[in-house]
Protein backbone atom coordinates (compact mmCIF):
# COMPACT_ATOMS: atom_id res chain seq x y z
CA UNK A 1 88.54 126.83 39.41
CA UNK A 2 87.33 130.02 37.59
CA UNK A 3 88.42 130.53 34.01
CA UNK A 4 90.40 133.75 33.46
CA UNK A 5 89.07 134.76 30.03
CA UNK A 6 90.82 138.15 30.08
CA UNK A 7 94.16 136.45 30.60
CA UNK A 8 93.88 134.60 27.29
CA UNK A 9 94.51 137.78 25.26
CA UNK A 10 91.55 136.91 23.04
CA UNK A 11 88.72 139.33 22.37
CA UNK A 12 85.47 137.54 21.79
CA UNK A 13 81.78 138.25 21.76
CA UNK A 14 79.72 137.64 24.84
CA UNK A 15 78.01 134.57 23.38
CA UNK A 16 81.30 132.98 22.38
CA UNK A 17 82.79 133.62 25.82
CA UNK A 18 79.79 132.01 27.55
CA UNK A 19 80.05 129.01 25.23
CA UNK A 20 83.77 128.71 25.94
CA UNK A 21 83.25 128.84 29.70
CA UNK A 22 80.47 126.23 29.44
CA UNK A 23 82.71 123.95 27.39
CA UNK A 24 85.51 124.25 29.93
CA UNK A 25 83.03 123.52 32.73
CA UNK A 26 81.97 120.29 31.00
CA UNK A 27 85.60 119.21 30.51
CA UNK A 28 86.43 120.15 34.10
CA UNK A 29 83.46 118.14 35.41
CA UNK A 30 84.25 114.94 33.50
CA UNK A 31 85.68 112.28 35.81
CA UNK A 32 88.65 110.22 34.59
CA UNK A 33 88.22 106.91 32.79
CA UNK A 34 90.29 103.79 33.43
CA UNK A 35 90.13 100.92 30.96
CA UNK A 36 90.72 97.24 31.70
CA UNK A 37 90.67 94.27 29.33
CA UNK A 38 90.40 90.93 31.10
CA UNK A 39 90.40 87.44 29.69
CA UNK A 40 88.98 84.82 32.07
CA UNK A 41 90.42 81.34 31.55
CA UNK A 42 91.00 78.06 33.31
CA UNK A 43 94.56 77.18 34.24
CA UNK A 44 96.53 74.83 36.44
CA UNK A 45 97.30 76.16 39.91
CA UNK A 46 99.11 74.49 42.84
CA UNK A 47 98.34 76.60 45.94
CA UNK A 48 98.41 73.64 48.37
CA UNK A 49 100.84 71.48 46.43
CA UNK A 50 98.34 69.58 44.27
CA UNK A 51 97.24 70.50 40.77
CA UNK A 52 93.87 72.19 40.54
CA UNK A 53 91.81 73.79 37.81
CA UNK A 54 91.85 77.44 38.78
CA UNK A 55 90.16 80.52 37.30
CA UNK A 56 92.71 83.02 36.03
CA UNK A 57 92.30 86.61 34.86
CA UNK A 58 94.87 87.54 32.23
CA UNK A 59 96.77 84.46 33.36
CA UNK A 60 96.94 85.61 36.98
CA UNK A 61 95.82 83.93 40.20
CA UNK A 62 94.66 85.92 42.10
CA UNK A 63 93.51 88.36 39.45
CA UNK A 64 95.01 91.82 38.83
CA UNK A 65 94.40 94.66 41.26
CA UNK A 66 92.14 97.54 40.28
CA UNK A 67 93.74 100.88 41.22
CA UNK A 68 91.43 103.88 41.07
CA UNK A 69 90.63 107.29 42.55
CA UNK A 70 87.32 108.59 43.94
CA UNK A 71 84.73 109.15 41.16
CA UNK A 72 86.77 107.35 38.49
CA UNK A 73 84.85 105.59 35.74
CA UNK A 74 86.02 102.00 35.40
CA UNK A 75 85.46 100.38 32.00
CA UNK A 76 86.16 96.68 32.52
CA UNK A 77 85.82 94.48 29.42
CA UNK A 78 85.54 90.85 30.57
CA UNK A 79 85.92 88.09 27.97
CA UNK A 80 84.64 84.73 29.15
CA UNK A 81 86.93 81.97 27.87
CA UNK A 82 85.46 79.40 30.27
CA UNK A 83 83.11 76.64 29.15
CA UNK A 84 80.25 77.92 31.32
CA UNK A 85 78.52 81.26 32.07
CA UNK A 86 80.43 83.67 34.26
CA UNK A 87 79.91 86.89 36.25
CA UNK A 88 82.10 89.14 38.35
CA UNK A 89 80.75 91.11 41.28
CA UNK A 90 82.36 94.02 43.12
CA UNK A 91 82.31 93.57 46.88
CA UNK A 92 81.78 97.03 48.40
CA UNK A 93 81.50 99.04 45.18
CA UNK A 94 78.15 100.80 45.54
CA UNK A 95 77.26 101.20 41.84
CA UNK A 96 75.23 104.28 42.64
CA UNK A 97 71.85 104.29 40.84
CA UNK A 98 73.04 101.38 38.74
CA UNK A 99 72.37 97.94 40.22
CA UNK A 100 72.43 96.52 36.66
CA UNK A 101 76.24 96.46 36.93
CA UNK A 102 76.33 94.65 40.29
CA UNK A 103 77.32 91.35 38.72
CA UNK A 104 75.12 88.97 40.73
CA UNK A 105 72.45 86.86 39.09
CA UNK A 106 69.61 88.86 40.60
CA UNK A 107 70.73 91.91 38.61
CA UNK A 108 72.92 90.86 35.67
CA UNK A 109 72.68 88.16 33.00
CA UNK A 110 75.73 85.88 32.93
CA UNK A 111 78.38 86.29 30.25
CA UNK A 112 77.98 83.27 27.95
CA UNK A 113 81.06 81.19 27.08
CA UNK A 114 83.05 82.75 24.27
CA UNK A 115 81.47 86.19 24.70
CA UNK A 116 82.39 89.40 26.45
CA UNK A 117 80.62 91.99 28.54
CA UNK A 118 81.88 95.45 29.45
CA UNK A 119 81.11 96.58 32.97
CA UNK A 120 80.73 100.34 33.30
CA UNK A 121 81.30 101.21 36.95
CA UNK A 122 81.82 104.50 38.73
CA UNK A 123 83.40 104.56 42.18
CA UNK A 124 81.23 107.54 43.04
CA UNK A 125 81.96 109.18 46.41
CA UNK A 126 83.99 106.21 47.61
CA UNK A 127 87.45 105.55 49.00
CA UNK A 128 88.96 102.47 50.54
CA UNK A 129 89.77 98.80 50.18
CA UNK A 130 87.50 96.23 48.54
CA UNK A 131 87.70 93.21 46.22
CA UNK A 132 85.99 91.57 43.26
CA UNK A 133 85.04 87.91 42.89
CA UNK A 134 83.10 85.50 40.61
CA UNK A 135 79.52 85.20 41.85
CA UNK A 136 78.11 82.16 39.97
CA UNK A 137 78.31 78.36 40.15
CA UNK A 138 80.72 78.21 43.12
CA UNK A 139 83.44 79.74 40.91
CA UNK A 140 84.73 81.61 43.96
CA UNK A 141 86.29 78.32 45.13
CA UNK A 142 88.52 78.34 42.02
CA UNK A 143 89.87 81.91 42.13
CA UNK A 144 88.90 84.78 39.85
CA UNK A 145 89.15 87.28 42.71
CA UNK A 146 91.37 90.33 43.15
CA UNK A 147 91.79 93.53 45.13
CA UNK A 148 90.19 96.94 44.54
CA UNK A 149 91.63 100.13 45.97
CA UNK A 150 90.10 103.58 45.69
CA UNK A 151 92.48 106.40 46.60
CA UNK A 152 91.39 109.83 47.76
CA UNK A 153 91.50 112.68 45.27
CA UNK A 154 94.72 114.74 45.49
CA UNK A 155 93.20 117.69 47.38
CA UNK A 156 91.33 115.58 49.94
CA UNK A 157 93.40 115.16 53.12
CA UNK A 158 94.14 111.62 54.32
CA UNK A 159 94.61 111.23 58.11
CA UNK A 160 98.06 109.61 57.89
CA UNK A 161 101.27 110.17 55.88
CA UNK A 162 101.74 108.35 52.58
CA UNK A 163 103.17 104.90 53.35
CA UNK A 164 106.38 103.66 51.73
CA UNK A 165 104.42 100.81 50.16
CA UNK A 166 100.77 99.87 49.68
CA UNK A 167 99.96 96.16 49.28
CA UNK A 168 96.87 94.03 48.71
CA UNK A 169 96.74 90.94 50.95
CA UNK A 170 94.00 88.47 50.02
CA UNK A 171 93.53 85.78 52.66
CA UNK A 172 91.05 82.92 52.65
CA UNK A 173 90.41 79.28 53.38
CA UNK A 174 90.95 76.88 50.49
CA UNK A 175 90.08 73.40 49.28
CA UNK A 176 92.21 70.96 47.30
CA UNK A 177 89.08 69.84 45.44
CA UNK A 178 88.11 71.60 42.22
CA UNK A 179 85.16 73.96 42.41
CA UNK A 180 83.08 71.65 40.23
CA UNK A 181 83.45 68.83 42.78
CA UNK A 182 82.53 71.15 45.64
CA UNK A 183 79.50 72.38 43.70
CA UNK A 184 78.39 68.81 42.99
CA UNK A 185 78.79 68.02 46.69
CA UNK A 186 76.39 70.87 47.54
CA UNK A 187 74.01 70.01 44.69
CA UNK A 188 73.73 66.53 46.18
CA UNK A 189 72.39 68.06 49.37
CA UNK A 190 75.49 67.79 51.53
CA UNK A 191 77.30 70.31 53.72
CA UNK A 192 80.65 71.77 52.73
CA UNK A 193 83.52 69.94 54.48
CA UNK A 194 86.25 71.64 56.50
CA UNK A 195 88.81 73.50 54.33
CA UNK A 196 92.20 71.96 53.55
CA UNK A 197 94.24 75.08 54.21
CA UNK A 198 94.58 78.87 54.07
CA UNK A 199 96.08 80.97 51.29
CA UNK A 200 97.79 84.37 51.33
CA UNK A 201 97.58 85.96 47.88
CA UNK A 202 96.94 82.58 46.30
CA UNK A 203 99.88 80.84 47.97
CA UNK A 204 100.11 78.18 50.64
CA UNK A 205 102.46 77.90 53.65
CA UNK A 206 105.57 80.11 53.33
CA UNK A 207 104.68 80.87 49.72
CA UNK A 208 104.04 84.58 50.22
CA UNK A 209 106.85 87.02 51.03
CA UNK A 210 106.89 90.78 51.50
CA UNK A 211 110.16 92.72 51.46
CA UNK A 212 110.41 95.91 53.56
CA UNK A 213 113.11 98.40 54.52
CA UNK A 214 113.93 98.97 58.15
CA UNK A 215 112.31 102.06 59.66
CA UNK A 216 109.71 102.54 56.94
CA UNK A 217 105.91 102.30 57.28
CA UNK A 218 103.71 100.22 54.98
CA UNK A 219 100.01 99.81 54.30
CA UNK A 220 98.34 96.42 53.97
CA UNK A 221 94.83 96.12 52.51
CA UNK A 222 93.64 92.82 53.95
CA UNK A 223 90.51 91.11 52.55
CA UNK A 224 89.08 87.74 53.54
CA UNK A 225 88.05 86.27 50.17
CA UNK A 226 87.53 82.76 51.55
CA UNK A 227 84.45 80.58 51.64
CA UNK A 228 83.55 80.19 55.30
CA UNK A 229 86.20 80.77 57.97
CA UNK A 230 86.84 83.87 60.03
CA UNK A 231 90.61 84.41 60.07
CA UNK A 232 93.08 86.10 62.40
CA UNK A 233 95.93 88.08 60.84
CA UNK A 234 99.17 88.98 62.63
CA UNK A 235 102.83 89.79 61.98
CA UNK A 236 105.44 88.42 64.35
CA UNK A 237 106.79 91.11 66.75
CA UNK A 238 104.98 93.92 64.89
CA UNK A 239 101.99 96.05 65.83
CA UNK A 240 99.33 97.08 63.31
CA UNK A 241 97.48 100.39 63.30
CA UNK A 242 93.99 100.17 61.83
CA UNK A 243 93.29 103.15 59.53
CA UNK A 244 90.42 102.20 57.21
CA UNK A 245 87.55 99.70 57.04
CA UNK A 246 85.64 99.24 53.76
CA UNK A 247 85.71 102.93 52.86
CA UNK A 248 85.69 104.53 56.32
CA UNK A 249 88.72 106.10 57.99
CA UNK A 250 88.78 104.72 61.52
CA UNK A 251 90.19 105.79 64.84
CA UNK A 252 93.80 104.69 64.62
CA UNK A 253 93.77 101.90 67.17
CA UNK A 254 96.77 99.60 67.48
CA UNK A 255 96.35 95.82 67.47
CA UNK A 256 98.74 92.90 67.76
CA UNK A 257 96.34 90.75 65.70
CA UNK A 258 93.14 91.38 63.80
CA UNK A 259 90.06 89.23 63.19
CA UNK A 260 88.94 89.44 59.56
CA UNK A 261 85.60 87.74 59.00
CA UNK A 262 84.53 86.33 55.64
CA UNK A 263 83.97 89.09 53.08
CA UNK A 264 85.52 91.85 55.19
CA UNK A 265 88.34 94.26 54.26
CA UNK A 266 90.68 96.20 56.56
CA UNK A 267 93.60 98.59 55.99
CA UNK A 268 96.44 98.63 58.51
CA UNK A 269 99.75 100.45 58.81
CA UNK A 270 102.80 98.79 60.30
CA UNK A 271 106.36 100.02 60.73
CA UNK A 272 109.40 97.85 60.09
CA UNK A 273 110.87 98.81 63.47
CA UNK A 274 112.39 95.50 64.54
CA UNK A 275 115.95 94.18 64.16
CA UNK A 276 116.83 93.29 60.58
CA UNK A 277 115.79 89.70 60.01
CA UNK A 278 112.78 87.78 58.70
CA UNK A 279 109.47 87.48 60.57
CA UNK A 280 106.37 85.34 60.21
CA UNK A 281 103.17 86.67 58.69
CA UNK A 282 100.51 84.42 60.22
CA UNK A 283 96.90 83.71 59.27
CA UNK A 284 94.89 81.22 61.32
CA UNK A 285 91.29 80.07 61.51
CA UNK A 286 89.00 81.35 64.26
CA UNK A 287 86.19 79.60 66.14
CA UNK A 288 87.12 76.15 64.79
CA UNK A 289 87.85 73.01 66.84
CA UNK A 290 90.89 72.31 64.67
CA UNK A 291 92.91 75.48 64.11
CA UNK A 292 94.29 75.78 60.58
CA UNK A 293 97.33 78.04 60.17
CA UNK A 294 99.41 79.30 57.28
CA UNK A 295 102.45 81.55 57.21
CA UNK A 296 104.18 84.01 54.94
CA UNK A 297 107.44 85.86 55.41
CA UNK A 298 108.10 89.50 56.19
CA UNK A 299 111.61 89.96 54.82
CA UNK A 300 113.74 92.92 55.90
CA UNK A 301 116.02 94.08 53.08
CA UNK A 302 118.93 94.03 55.54
CA UNK A 303 117.88 90.68 57.03
CA UNK A 304 120.52 88.81 58.96
CA UNK A 305 118.67 85.51 58.87
CA UNK A 306 115.49 83.58 58.05
CA UNK A 307 112.47 83.08 60.26
CA UNK A 308 113.08 80.77 63.19
CA UNK A 309 111.08 79.06 65.86
CA UNK A 310 107.32 78.49 65.89
CA UNK A 311 104.96 81.12 64.47
CA UNK A 312 103.34 83.32 67.11
CA UNK A 313 100.02 82.02 68.38
CA UNK A 314 96.79 83.96 68.20
CA UNK A 315 93.24 83.78 69.50
CA UNK A 316 91.37 80.61 68.67
CA UNK A 317 87.79 80.15 69.92
CA UNK A 318 87.44 83.23 72.16
CA UNK A 319 84.21 85.05 71.25
CA UNK A 320 84.49 87.86 73.82
CA UNK A 321 87.97 88.78 72.56
CA UNK A 322 86.64 89.20 69.03
CA UNK A 323 83.48 91.02 70.15
CA UNK A 324 85.49 93.53 72.16
CA UNK A 325 87.79 94.14 69.22
CA UNK A 326 84.81 94.69 66.92
CA UNK A 327 83.33 97.24 69.33
CA UNK A 328 86.66 99.09 69.44
CA UNK A 329 86.57 99.75 65.67
CA UNK A 330 85.03 103.20 65.30
CA UNK A 331 84.86 106.04 62.81
CA UNK A 332 87.37 108.89 62.83
CA UNK A 333 84.84 111.71 62.97
CA UNK A 334 87.30 114.48 62.05
CA UNK A 335 88.90 112.76 59.03
CA UNK A 336 87.68 113.43 55.52
CA UNK A 337 86.12 110.61 53.56
CA UNK A 338 85.79 110.85 49.78
CA UNK A 339 84.81 114.52 50.17
CA UNK A 340 86.55 117.28 52.13
CA UNK A 341 83.85 117.44 54.81
CA UNK A 342 84.55 115.35 57.95
CA UNK A 343 83.04 111.87 58.16
CA UNK A 344 81.31 112.91 61.39
CA UNK A 345 79.28 115.61 59.66
CA UNK A 346 76.61 113.02 58.86
CA UNK A 347 74.85 112.58 62.20
CA UNK A 348 73.21 109.21 61.60
CA UNK A 349 72.33 108.85 65.29
CA UNK A 350 70.01 111.88 65.16
CA UNK A 351 67.85 110.45 62.36
CA UNK A 352 64.70 108.58 63.34
CA UNK A 353 64.42 105.14 61.78
CA UNK A 354 61.24 104.57 59.77
CA UNK A 355 61.24 100.78 59.91
CA UNK A 356 62.86 97.88 61.77
CA UNK A 357 63.62 94.74 59.77
CA UNK A 358 64.83 91.54 61.45
CA UNK A 359 66.57 88.82 59.44
CA UNK A 360 67.10 85.50 61.20
CA UNK A 361 69.26 82.77 59.68
CA UNK A 362 68.50 79.06 59.85
CA UNK A 363 69.68 75.73 58.49
CA UNK A 364 67.75 72.57 57.76
CA UNK A 365 66.61 69.97 55.27
CA UNK A 366 64.20 70.54 52.39
CA UNK A 367 63.21 67.46 50.38
CA UNK A 368 66.05 65.55 52.01
CA UNK A 369 68.73 68.06 51.01
CA UNK A 370 70.68 70.64 53.00
CA UNK A 371 69.35 74.20 52.68
CA UNK A 372 69.90 77.52 54.42
CA UNK A 373 67.36 80.29 54.88
CA UNK A 374 66.56 83.84 55.96
CA UNK A 375 63.27 84.20 57.86
CA UNK A 376 62.49 80.62 56.80
CA UNK A 377 62.83 81.39 53.06
CA UNK A 378 65.58 79.58 51.17
CA UNK A 379 66.31 81.59 48.04
CA UNK A 380 65.86 79.96 44.63
CA UNK A 381 67.22 81.87 41.61
CA UNK A 382 65.04 82.32 38.54
CA UNK A 383 66.02 82.03 34.88
CA UNK A 384 65.68 85.83 34.59
CA UNK A 385 67.57 88.38 36.70
CA UNK A 386 65.12 90.06 39.06
CA UNK A 387 66.25 93.54 38.07
CA UNK A 388 65.54 92.86 34.40
CA UNK A 389 62.14 91.40 35.24
CA UNK A 390 61.38 94.52 37.26
CA UNK A 391 62.56 96.86 34.48
CA UNK A 392 60.68 95.09 31.67
CA UNK A 393 57.68 94.39 33.95
CA UNK A 394 57.83 90.65 33.25
CA UNK A 395 55.33 88.75 35.43
CA UNK A 396 55.96 85.44 37.12
CA UNK A 397 59.63 85.95 37.97
CA UNK A 398 59.28 87.22 41.55
CA UNK A 399 56.63 88.53 43.91
CA UNK A 400 57.08 91.65 45.98
CA UNK A 401 57.51 91.00 49.69
CA UNK A 402 57.86 87.27 49.18
CA UNK A 403 59.84 87.30 52.43
CA UNK A 404 58.64 88.70 55.74
CA UNK A 405 60.52 91.54 57.45
CA UNK A 406 60.40 89.53 60.70
CA UNK A 407 61.05 85.84 61.43
CA UNK A 408 57.90 83.89 62.13
CA UNK A 409 59.47 80.64 63.26
CA UNK A 410 58.11 78.31 60.59
CA UNK A 411 59.97 75.62 58.71
CA UNK A 412 62.25 76.31 55.75
CA UNK A 413 60.62 76.58 52.32
CA UNK A 414 61.87 77.54 48.84
CA UNK A 415 61.02 80.83 47.14
CA UNK A 416 62.60 83.76 45.29
CA UNK A 417 62.74 86.16 48.21
CA UNK A 418 62.41 89.89 47.49
CA UNK A 419 61.61 92.56 50.08
CA UNK A 420 60.47 95.96 48.80
CA UNK A 421 61.51 99.05 50.75
CA UNK A 422 60.99 102.71 49.97
CA UNK A 423 63.67 104.96 48.55
CA UNK A 424 65.03 107.45 51.10
CA UNK A 425 63.71 105.61 54.11
CA UNK A 426 66.13 105.28 57.03
CA UNK A 427 65.85 101.71 58.27
CA UNK A 428 67.18 99.57 61.06
CA UNK A 429 68.16 96.01 60.13
CA UNK A 430 68.86 93.40 62.80
CA UNK A 431 70.71 90.20 61.90
CA UNK A 432 69.66 87.58 64.45
CA UNK A 433 71.89 84.53 64.70
CA UNK A 434 70.32 81.62 66.58
CA UNK A 435 73.03 79.20 65.47
CA UNK A 436 76.28 78.25 67.17
CA UNK A 437 78.58 79.67 64.47
CA UNK A 438 79.94 83.12 63.66
CA UNK A 439 78.18 84.47 60.59
CA UNK A 440 79.01 87.25 58.15
CA UNK A 441 76.46 89.38 56.26
CA UNK A 442 76.90 91.68 53.28
CA UNK A 443 74.66 94.26 51.61
CA UNK A 444 75.43 95.27 48.01
CA UNK A 445 75.01 98.90 46.96
CA UNK A 446 75.41 100.38 50.41
CA UNK A 447 77.60 101.30 53.34
CA UNK A 448 75.77 100.87 56.64
CA UNK A 449 76.43 101.88 60.25
CA UNK A 450 77.10 98.96 62.61
CA UNK A 451 75.36 100.45 65.66
CA UNK A 452 75.32 97.45 67.99
CA UNK A 453 76.10 93.78 68.58
CA UNK A 454 75.62 91.53 71.58
CA UNK A 455 74.61 88.07 72.72
CA UNK A 456 71.09 86.69 73.04
CA UNK A 457 67.87 87.79 71.37
CA UNK A 458 67.50 91.34 70.10
CA UNK A 459 64.64 93.34 71.64
CA UNK A 460 63.68 97.00 71.43
CA UNK A 461 65.51 97.46 74.74
CA UNK A 462 68.73 96.51 72.93
CA UNK A 463 68.68 99.98 71.34
CA UNK A 464 69.81 101.43 74.69
CA UNK A 465 73.34 100.17 74.04
CA UNK A 466 73.62 101.37 70.43
CA UNK A 467 76.57 103.52 69.38
CA UNK A 468 74.82 106.53 67.86
CA UNK A 469 77.93 108.70 67.52
CA UNK A 470 80.90 107.02 65.82
CA UNK A 471 79.87 103.53 64.71
CA UNK A 472 81.93 102.32 61.77
CA UNK A 473 80.27 102.45 58.34
CA UNK A 474 80.98 99.38 56.21
CA UNK A 475 79.32 96.85 53.88
CA UNK A 476 80.00 93.52 55.66
CA UNK A 477 79.43 92.72 59.32
CA UNK A 478 79.86 89.68 61.53
CA UNK A 479 77.18 88.22 63.82
CA UNK A 480 78.48 86.14 66.73
CA UNK A 481 76.96 82.80 67.81
CA UNK A 482 73.55 83.05 69.51
CA UNK A 483 73.83 86.82 69.08
CA UNK A 484 72.57 89.80 67.08
CA UNK A 485 74.06 92.68 65.12
CA UNK A 486 72.11 95.85 64.31
CA UNK A 487 72.81 98.25 61.44
CA UNK A 488 71.35 101.56 60.28
CA UNK A 489 70.93 102.04 56.52
CA UNK A 490 69.92 105.23 54.70
CA UNK A 491 68.15 103.85 51.62
CA UNK A 492 69.57 106.36 49.16
CA UNK A 493 70.44 104.02 46.29
CA UNK A 494 67.56 102.85 44.08
CA UNK A 495 67.86 99.35 42.69
CA UNK A 496 67.71 95.61 43.37
CA UNK A 497 70.39 94.83 45.96
CA UNK A 498 71.64 91.49 47.25
CA UNK A 499 71.69 90.78 51.00
CA UNK A 500 73.64 87.58 51.56
CA UNK A 501 75.66 85.52 53.91
CA UNK A 502 79.34 85.53 52.93
CA UNK A 503 79.56 81.84 53.87
CA UNK A 504 79.54 80.79 50.25
CA UNK A 505 77.98 77.33 50.63
CA UNK A 506 75.14 78.89 52.63
CA UNK A 507 74.70 81.62 50.02
CA UNK A 508 74.67 79.00 47.24
CA UNK A 509 72.08 76.94 49.12
CA UNK A 510 69.65 79.76 49.76
CA UNK A 511 70.79 82.12 52.53
CA UNK A 512 70.28 85.35 50.62
CA UNK A 513 67.53 87.70 49.42
CA UNK A 514 67.11 90.89 47.41
CA UNK A 515 66.22 94.29 48.79
CA UNK A 516 64.18 96.16 46.19
CA UNK A 517 64.73 99.86 46.91
CA UNK A 518 61.82 101.37 45.02
CA UNK A 519 60.63 104.76 43.86
CA UNK A 520 57.94 105.78 41.41
CA UNK A 521 60.29 108.41 40.02
CA UNK A 522 61.72 107.82 36.56
CA UNK A 523 64.29 110.61 36.86
CA UNK A 524 67.92 109.88 35.97
CA UNK A 525 68.79 111.61 39.21
CA UNK A 526 67.31 108.62 41.04
CA UNK A 527 68.25 105.67 38.82
CA UNK A 528 70.03 105.10 35.54
CA UNK A 529 68.21 103.27 32.75
CA UNK A 530 69.29 99.78 31.74
CA UNK A 531 72.75 99.84 30.12
CA UNK A 532 72.83 99.87 26.33
CA UNK A 533 75.10 96.83 26.29
CA UNK A 534 73.13 94.80 28.85
CA UNK A 535 72.89 91.09 28.08
CA UNK A 536 69.30 89.84 28.15
CA UNK A 537 68.41 86.28 29.11
CA UNK A 538 65.60 84.08 30.38
CA UNK A 539 62.19 85.70 29.95
CA UNK A 540 63.96 88.95 29.04
CA UNK A 541 65.82 87.37 26.11
CA UNK A 542 65.49 89.44 22.96
CA UNK A 543 64.17 92.51 24.75
CA UNK A 544 65.58 95.81 23.56
CA UNK A 545 67.62 97.81 26.02
CA UNK A 546 67.97 101.35 24.68
CA UNK A 547 68.69 102.91 21.28
CA UNK A 548 72.39 103.49 20.75
């Protein structure tokens, strides 16, 4: 907005006026800051009726929501009151030019017990629904997760009216065992057992309730923060209109139930348009021999009675049903995203890919213990975050291209897998699933276009069925059994970025790698320097970051 100097009634010299305008421009350009102080502690929780040692943030399980607006700076001071190192990561937050703040062990040193670390994040050019979670030592099985919402700036149009309420709904499978016991189980080379139940916002069967007023419309931001199970979400007698997926406004398709795979986030609208009474909110496991179900309650403020009868059933093992639903989720090309230009103004389908990368998952035994791998490499973390080793040029921590960009069919072996790719390349990544389970894959630092998915082996002929017009852009995608999923990624974010399965036991036992997006440029326009407050550890211990 131009500054009307004449309207101030002040006569000033030309130099002073220019200085004043420049000062106002700086103030105008500064994005807002939001400050959070979090204390991470252990505490007793009873989500499935037995006492467990949970991870609380400011005494809350799940942790507090982060509410923000596009381009906000989030200053999150995390004090670790646990008896072991701790890190938080931000599922879907892109941390533009700043992978140091990603909060996974490949990028960030853990916060030691009794110490704090202040994350400095900016939700640059992002909107949508995401979540945070603890990334180390199987802490995710104890809690420490919470919702993140990024609202559009006031002048950016949103393709639906403001809802009467906006709620975070965190769903996920859950175990009665403490996370330390589950971790020990995996450390002993065993597979993770079947979960004991499902939680809705940290509560077991009929523990979660949502009160609504008849005739009003509400938004639910649903994230699957569980450890391994795809889940189906539904509300008895109510339809849901999908409006946003991990930062992308979608075509507003109506569903009676919605599959939410591990690590994924969806926003839906529903209208309280039924007779005034209580209704079931139902979450059930998908693609499992034994279907696990939990319920919450949708309570009308003028309710004439409680829920009655059995909860409505949903899909169970049907793959085609889920695949067809996934293909129906597409981008609203005319809606604005974080900027006023339409989402469809970026014509990803007209850009030639410079490289095709194929990642194939596998499971097997190494030295008599269960391991999981990508292109036969089962990831082993080092004592030094890879990003710090890269920045300080510390040898012996990782080797470039220690994982192939294609599967070669050999047996599983252990290594610290890093694949180097060039900044500003436009690449195609294919996730090939040769196992009989649904998988879920996530890429930190990016939003990618899910251009295709189908059964069988991917070949170059598979490109003929790609959606090159309105594929949804997101950060987590499912891959169906004995199937493939293809994504397009513009590599516009320099850094060291985690590609991982969201099946947390598989991630813990090696099914992950790091994508090193590299440039020779040292310009701040391409990548920020290491944060001044960065913790150093391992071979980087004692290294200086930057002068204050």
